[in-house]
């Protein structure tokens, strides 16, 4: 029994259709389906972009609920806690999976497109013309992906990068500000948030994150507050509380097991933290959830 939110590899989806470990993968929804429990909270080590063509589905990203309807773009980024609820029988999408390495190795798009690093929403409803344009780009990319060529990887990379910029325009109507124009404080605050996402299960002191960023705890606390309006400690506590909420959705785990999985000293320390962060005890949260 896992006391951590599972992280699934791209291989778990690709292997269901007889593929190896690709850097880019178009699922064949008419073939075998993965057996992993997507109706329970999980993470992935990949990016996934989907455009809903028909039908509806219920989706959660970091426990925030969405309803996916035709014309909606769904963005699932690494490390975000995902969960699928009811999915209609006629639900149909155009989808693409790709690894973090595929982007960072071939192109710096993730650093240039802010929506990819910290999406303002994980489900974006598009206007009909926008949805039609994205669908055409998806199908062109899919065609090239399935066409044998000695340069297929480079062709796919180039078209995928173009698709990302096309989607970026939908998320950010105004041109994205170059990274170098960001203040030092903004860059440090963004780095802090990424570190918290990666290490909150084991590191909860401001001192750890300050040391990782080569600044003092006082400086980190001040700049995070100035940039985000919230303190570093509040960001850390929120990340831990989000993990706790996701784990508490699993009825097979006791509160004590959740506390242990989150590396609290005991169940009582966890319960105090959770109530202070959410206003509810772990048991009460389960009852209202």
Protein backbone atom coordinates (compact mmCIF):
# COMPACT_ATOMS: atom_id res chain seq x y z
CA UNK A 1 0.00 0.00 0.00
CA UNK A 2 1.53 3.32 -1.07
CA UNK A 3 1.63 6.19 1.41
CA UNK A 4 2.76 8.55 -1.33
CA UNK A 5 0.94 9.88 -4.36
CA UNK A 6 2.15 7.65 -7.24
CA UNK A 7 4.09 9.13 -10.15
CA UNK A 8 3.51 7.38 -13.46
CA UNK A 9 6.06 7.31 -16.26
CA UNK A 10 5.17 7.96 -19.88
CA UNK A 11 6.09 4.34 -20.52
CA UNK A 12 3.00 3.26 -18.54
CA UNK A 13 0.80 4.76 -21.25
CA UNK A 14 2.91 3.97 -24.32
CA UNK A 15 3.52 0.32 -23.39
CA UNK A 16 -0.23 -0.36 -23.36
CA UNK A 17 -0.13 0.06 -27.13
CA UNK A 18 3.07 -1.88 -27.67
CA UNK A 19 5.44 1.08 -27.81
CA UNK A 20 8.77 1.40 -26.06
CA UNK A 21 9.79 4.52 -24.16
CA UNK A 22 9.24 7.36 -26.64
CA UNK A 23 10.05 11.02 -26.11
CA UNK A 24 6.80 11.94 -27.88
CA UNK A 25 3.71 9.74 -27.93
CA UNK A 26 0.30 9.95 -29.59
CA UNK A 27 -2.11 7.54 -27.85
CA UNK A 28 -4.27 5.24 -29.93
CA UNK A 29 -7.52 5.35 -28.00
CA UNK A 30 -8.89 2.53 -30.10
CA UNK A 31 -6.22 0.16 -28.80
CA UNK A 32 -5.40 -1.24 -25.38
CA UNK A 33 -5.95 1.09 -22.44
CA UNK A 34 -3.51 1.54 -19.54
CA UNK A 35 -4.54 -0.27 -16.39
CA UNK A 36 -3.28 2.39 -13.98
CA UNK A 37 -5.99 3.89 -11.71
CA UNK A 38 -6.39 7.40 -13.13
CA UNK A 39 -9.49 7.94 -10.96
CA UNK A 40 -7.19 8.28 -7.95
CA UNK A 41 -4.71 11.14 -7.37
CA UNK A 42 -1.46 10.67 -9.30
CA UNK A 43 1.40 12.55 -10.89
CA UNK A 44 3.19 12.02 -14.19
CA UNK A 45 6.76 12.59 -15.33
CA UNK A 46 5.50 13.92 -18.68
CA UNK A 47 3.58 16.74 -20.30
CA UNK A 48 0.24 16.02 -21.90
CA UNK A 49 -1.88 18.33 -24.04
CA UNK A 50 -5.38 17.31 -25.11
CA UNK A 51 -8.10 18.96 -27.13
CA UNK A 52 -11.61 17.64 -26.44
CA UNK A 53 -13.50 16.91 -29.64
CA UNK A 54 -16.70 15.50 -28.17
CA UNK A 55 -18.16 14.19 -24.94
CA UNK A 56 -17.39 15.40 -21.43
CA UNK A 57 -15.10 14.44 -18.58
CA UNK A 58 -14.47 15.46 -15.00
CA UNK A 59 -10.85 16.32 -14.22
CA UNK A 60 -8.96 17.63 -11.19
CA UNK A 61 -5.60 19.37 -11.18
CA UNK A 62 -4.14 19.96 -7.72
CA UNK A 63 -7.61 19.02 -6.44
CA UNK A 64 -9.26 21.89 -8.35
CA UNK A 65 -12.25 20.44 -10.27
CA UNK A 66 -12.86 21.08 -13.95
CA UNK A 67 -15.44 19.88 -16.45
CA UNK A 68 -13.94 19.20 -19.87
CA UNK A 69 -16.30 19.83 -22.78
CA UNK A 70 -15.82 20.01 -26.56
CA UNK A 71 -13.38 22.78 -27.47
CA UNK A 72 -11.54 22.62 -24.15
CA UNK A 73 -7.76 22.39 -24.07
CA UNK A 74 -6.39 20.30 -21.19
CA UNK A 75 -2.83 20.86 -20.02
CA UNK A 76 -1.31 18.27 -17.65
CA UNK A 77 2.17 19.24 -16.52
CA UNK A 78 4.69 17.19 -14.52
CA UNK A 79 4.36 17.16 -10.73
CA UNK A 80 0.78 18.49 -10.74
CA UNK A 81 -1.60 16.16 -8.89
CA UNK A 82 -4.12 14.85 -11.41
CA UNK A 83 -7.31 12.84 -11.09
CA UNK A 84 -10.01 11.84 -13.57
CA UNK A 85 -13.61 11.44 -12.50
CA UNK A 86 -16.55 10.51 -14.71
CA UNK A 87 -15.62 10.23 -18.38
CA UNK A 88 -18.46 9.97 -20.91
CA UNK A 89 -18.54 6.98 -23.23
CA UNK A 90 -18.28 9.25 -26.27
CA UNK A 91 -15.38 11.32 -24.85
CA UNK A 92 -12.88 11.85 -27.67
CA UNK A 93 -9.71 13.93 -27.74
CA UNK A 94 -6.65 14.72 -29.76
CA UNK A 95 -3.79 14.17 -27.31
CA UNK A 96 -0.02 14.20 -27.23
CA UNK A 97 2.36 13.12 -24.47
CA UNK A 98 5.99 14.18 -24.35
CA UNK A 99 8.82 14.01 -21.86
CA UNK A 100 10.46 16.88 -20.06
CA UNK A 101 13.75 15.88 -21.66
CA UNK A 102 12.28 16.15 -25.14
CA UNK A 103 11.61 19.83 -24.63
CA UNK A 104 14.65 20.77 -22.58
CA UNK A 105 17.01 18.82 -24.84
CA UNK A 106 15.66 20.08 -28.14
CA UNK A 107 14.24 23.47 -27.37
CA UNK A 108 13.98 25.97 -24.53
CA UNK A 109 10.25 26.49 -25.09
CA UNK A 110 9.36 25.71 -21.49
CA UNK A 111 11.42 28.68 -20.36
CA UNK A 112 9.90 30.99 -22.95
CA UNK A 113 6.26 30.08 -22.52
CA UNK A 114 5.08 30.96 -19.05
CA UNK A 115 1.82 29.00 -19.38
CA UNK A 116 3.90 25.83 -19.58
CA UNK A 117 5.77 26.47 -16.36
CA UNK A 118 2.89 27.70 -14.19
CA UNK A 119 -0.47 27.36 -16.00
CA UNK A 120 -3.10 29.91 -14.94
CA UNK A 121 -5.65 27.17 -15.62
CA UNK A 122 -5.33 23.51 -16.59
CA UNK A 123 -8.52 23.49 -18.66
CA UNK A 124 -8.96 26.33 -21.14
CA UNK A 125 -12.21 26.74 -23.09
CA UNK A 126 -11.43 27.84 -26.66
CA UNK A 127 -13.54 29.74 -29.13
CA UNK A 128 -14.67 27.59 -32.09
CA UNK A 129 -12.13 29.15 -34.46
CA UNK A 130 -9.33 28.67 -31.94
CA UNK A 131 -10.28 25.04 -31.35
CA UNK A 132 -10.38 24.37 -35.10
CA UNK A 133 -6.92 25.89 -35.56
CA UNK A 134 -5.42 23.85 -32.70
CA UNK A 135 -7.10 20.68 -34.01
CA UNK A 136 -5.56 21.26 -37.45
CA UNK A 137 -2.11 21.69 -35.89
CA UNK A 138 -2.62 18.53 -33.81
CA UNK A 139 -3.58 16.49 -36.87
CA UNK A 140 -0.64 17.81 -38.90
CA UNK A 141 1.72 16.89 -36.07
CA UNK A 142 0.10 13.46 -35.75
CA UNK A 143 0.49 12.84 -39.49
CA UNK A 144 4.22 13.65 -39.37
CA UNK A 145 4.65 11.57 -36.23
CA UNK A 146 3.23 8.53 -38.04
CA UNK A 147 5.18 9.09 -41.28
CA UNK A 148 8.50 7.16 -41.39
CA UNK A 149 11.45 9.46 -42.04
CA UNK A 150 15.13 9.61 -41.15
CA UNK A 151 14.46 13.10 -39.82
CA UNK A 152 11.17 12.30 -38.11
CA UNK A 153 12.33 13.34 -34.63
CA UNK A 154 13.54 16.72 -35.85
CA UNK A 155 10.38 17.27 -37.88
CA UNK A 156 8.16 16.37 -34.92
CA UNK A 157 10.19 18.57 -32.59
CA UNK A 158 9.86 21.53 -34.90
CA UNK A 159 6.07 21.14 -35.35
CA UNK A 160 5.52 20.47 -31.64
CA UNK A 161 7.43 23.63 -30.76
CA UNK A 162 5.19 25.57 -33.12
CA UNK A 163 2.10 24.04 -31.49
CA UNK A 164 3.36 25.11 -28.06
CA UNK A 165 3.79 28.69 -29.21
CA UNK A 166 0.33 28.62 -30.79
CA UNK A 167 -1.15 27.46 -27.49
CA UNK A 168 0.95 30.02 -25.62
CA UNK A 169 -0.81 32.79 -27.50
CA UNK A 170 -4.15 31.47 -26.25
CA UNK A 171 -2.95 31.52 -22.65
CA UNK A 172 -1.10 34.81 -22.94
CA UNK A 173 -2.71 37.21 -25.42
CA UNK A 174 0.14 39.62 -24.80
CA UNK A 175 3.67 38.58 -25.84
CA UNK A 176 5.47 36.78 -23.05
CA UNK A 177 8.00 38.93 -21.25
CA UNK A 178 11.56 37.67 -21.86
CA UNK A 179 13.06 35.92 -18.87
CA UNK A 180 15.93 38.40 -18.73
CA UNK A 181 13.47 41.27 -18.13
CA UNK A 182 12.25 39.68 -14.92
CA UNK A 183 13.66 41.13 -11.76
CA UNK A 184 16.08 39.12 -9.68
CA UNK A 185 13.41 38.84 -6.99
CA UNK A 186 10.89 37.40 -9.47
CA UNK A 187 13.39 34.82 -10.69
CA UNK A 188 14.25 33.79 -7.13
CA UNK A 189 10.57 33.56 -6.14
CA UNK A 190 9.87 31.32 -9.16
CA UNK A 191 12.87 29.16 -8.30
CA UNK A 192 11.67 28.89 -4.72
CA UNK A 193 8.22 27.67 -5.80
CA UNK A 194 9.73 24.99 -8.03
CA UNK A 195 11.99 23.83 -5.21
CA UNK A 196 9.02 23.64 -2.84
CA UNK A 197 7.11 21.51 -5.33
CA UNK A 198 10.06 19.12 -5.58
CA UNK A 199 11.11 18.92 -1.92
CA UNK A 200 8.13 19.78 0.31
CA UNK A 201 7.72 16.19 1.48
CA UNK A 202 11.13 16.12 3.08
CA UNK A 203 12.13 19.77 3.57
CA UNK A 204 9.85 22.26 5.31
CA UNK A 205 12.26 24.86 6.65
CA UNK A 206 12.79 28.22 4.96
CA UNK A 207 16.50 27.74 5.72
CA UNK A 208 16.73 24.77 3.33
CA UNK A 209 15.27 26.70 0.39
CA UNK A 210 17.29 29.82 1.15
CA UNK A 211 20.48 27.77 1.15
CA UNK A 212 19.52 26.13 -2.14
CA UNK A 213 19.08 29.60 -3.66
CA UNK A 214 22.26 30.94 -2.02
CA UNK A 215 20.49 33.70 -0.09
CA UNK A 216 19.62 34.24 3.57
CA UNK A 217 16.30 33.04 5.03
CA UNK A 218 15.38 36.64 5.85
CA UNK A 219 16.00 37.74 2.26
CA UNK A 220 13.99 34.81 0.88
CA UNK A 221 11.07 35.53 3.21
CA UNK A 222 11.01 39.21 2.23
CA UNK A 223 11.30 38.73 -1.53
CA UNK A 224 8.70 35.93 -1.70
CA UNK A 225 6.29 38.10 0.28
CA UNK A 226 6.95 41.10 -1.97
CA UNK A 227 6.54 39.15 -5.21
CA UNK A 228 3.66 36.81 -4.32
CA UNK A 229 1.93 38.47 -1.39
CA UNK A 230 2.45 35.35 0.72
CA UNK A 231 5.31 34.25 2.91
CA UNK A 232 7.72 31.42 2.13
CA UNK A 233 6.35 29.46 5.07
CA UNK A 234 2.81 29.80 3.73
CA UNK A 235 3.88 28.42 0.33
CA UNK A 236 5.57 25.45 2.00
CA UNK A 237 2.57 24.72 4.23
CA UNK A 238 0.18 24.93 1.28
CA UNK A 239 2.24 22.43 -0.72
CA UNK A 240 2.27 19.96 2.18
CA UNK A 241 -1.47 20.45 2.81
CA UNK A 242 -2.18 19.74 -0.87
CA UNK A 243 -0.29 16.44 -0.61
CA UNK A 244 -2.22 15.61 2.55
CA UNK A 245 -5.60 16.34 0.97
CA UNK A 246 -4.81 14.10 -1.99
CA UNK A 247 -3.67 11.24 0.24
CA UNK A 248 -6.72 11.59 2.50
CA UNK A 249 -8.91 10.90 -0.53
CA UNK A 250 -7.64 7.34 -0.44
CA UNK A 251 -9.90 5.52 2.07
CA UNK A 252 -7.43 2.63 2.27
CA UNK A 253 -4.96 4.87 4.11
CA UNK A 254 -5.44 5.65 7.78
CA UNK A 255 -4.68 9.14 9.08
CA UNK A 256 -1.63 7.66 10.81
CA UNK A 257 -0.38 6.26 7.51
CA UNK A 258 -0.87 9.60 5.79
CA UNK A 259 1.05 11.29 8.60
CA UNK A 260 3.89 8.80 8.23
CA UNK A 261 3.96 9.16 4.46
CA UNK A 262 4.33 12.92 4.87
CA UNK A 263 7.10 12.38 7.44
CA UNK A 264 5.36 13.95 10.43
CA UNK A 265 6.58 12.86 13.86
CA UNK A 266 3.19 11.33 14.63
CA UNK A 267 -0.49 11.48 13.80
CA UNK A 268 -1.13 14.24 16.34
CA UNK A 269 1.51 16.55 14.87
CA UNK A 270 0.02 15.98 11.42
CA UNK A 271 -3.52 16.63 12.66
CA UNK A 272 -2.46 19.91 14.28
CA UNK A 273 -0.73 21.01 11.08
CA UNK A 274 -3.67 20.02 8.88
CA UNK A 275 -6.26 21.80 11.02
CA UNK A 276 -4.10 24.91 11.20
CA UNK A 277 -3.73 24.89 7.40
CA UNK A 278 -7.28 23.99 6.38
CA UNK A 279 -9.51 24.70 9.36
CA UNK A 280 -10.58 21.04 9.49
CA UNK A 281 -9.21 17.95 11.14
CA UNK A 282 -8.14 15.14 8.76
CA UNK A 283 -11.20 13.13 9.79
CA UNK A 284 -13.56 16.06 9.24
CA UNK A 285 -11.98 16.75 5.85
CA UNK A 286 -12.69 13.18 4.81
CA UNK A 287 -16.29 13.47 5.95
CA UNK A 288 -17.01 16.65 3.98
CA UNK A 289 -14.95 15.52 0.99
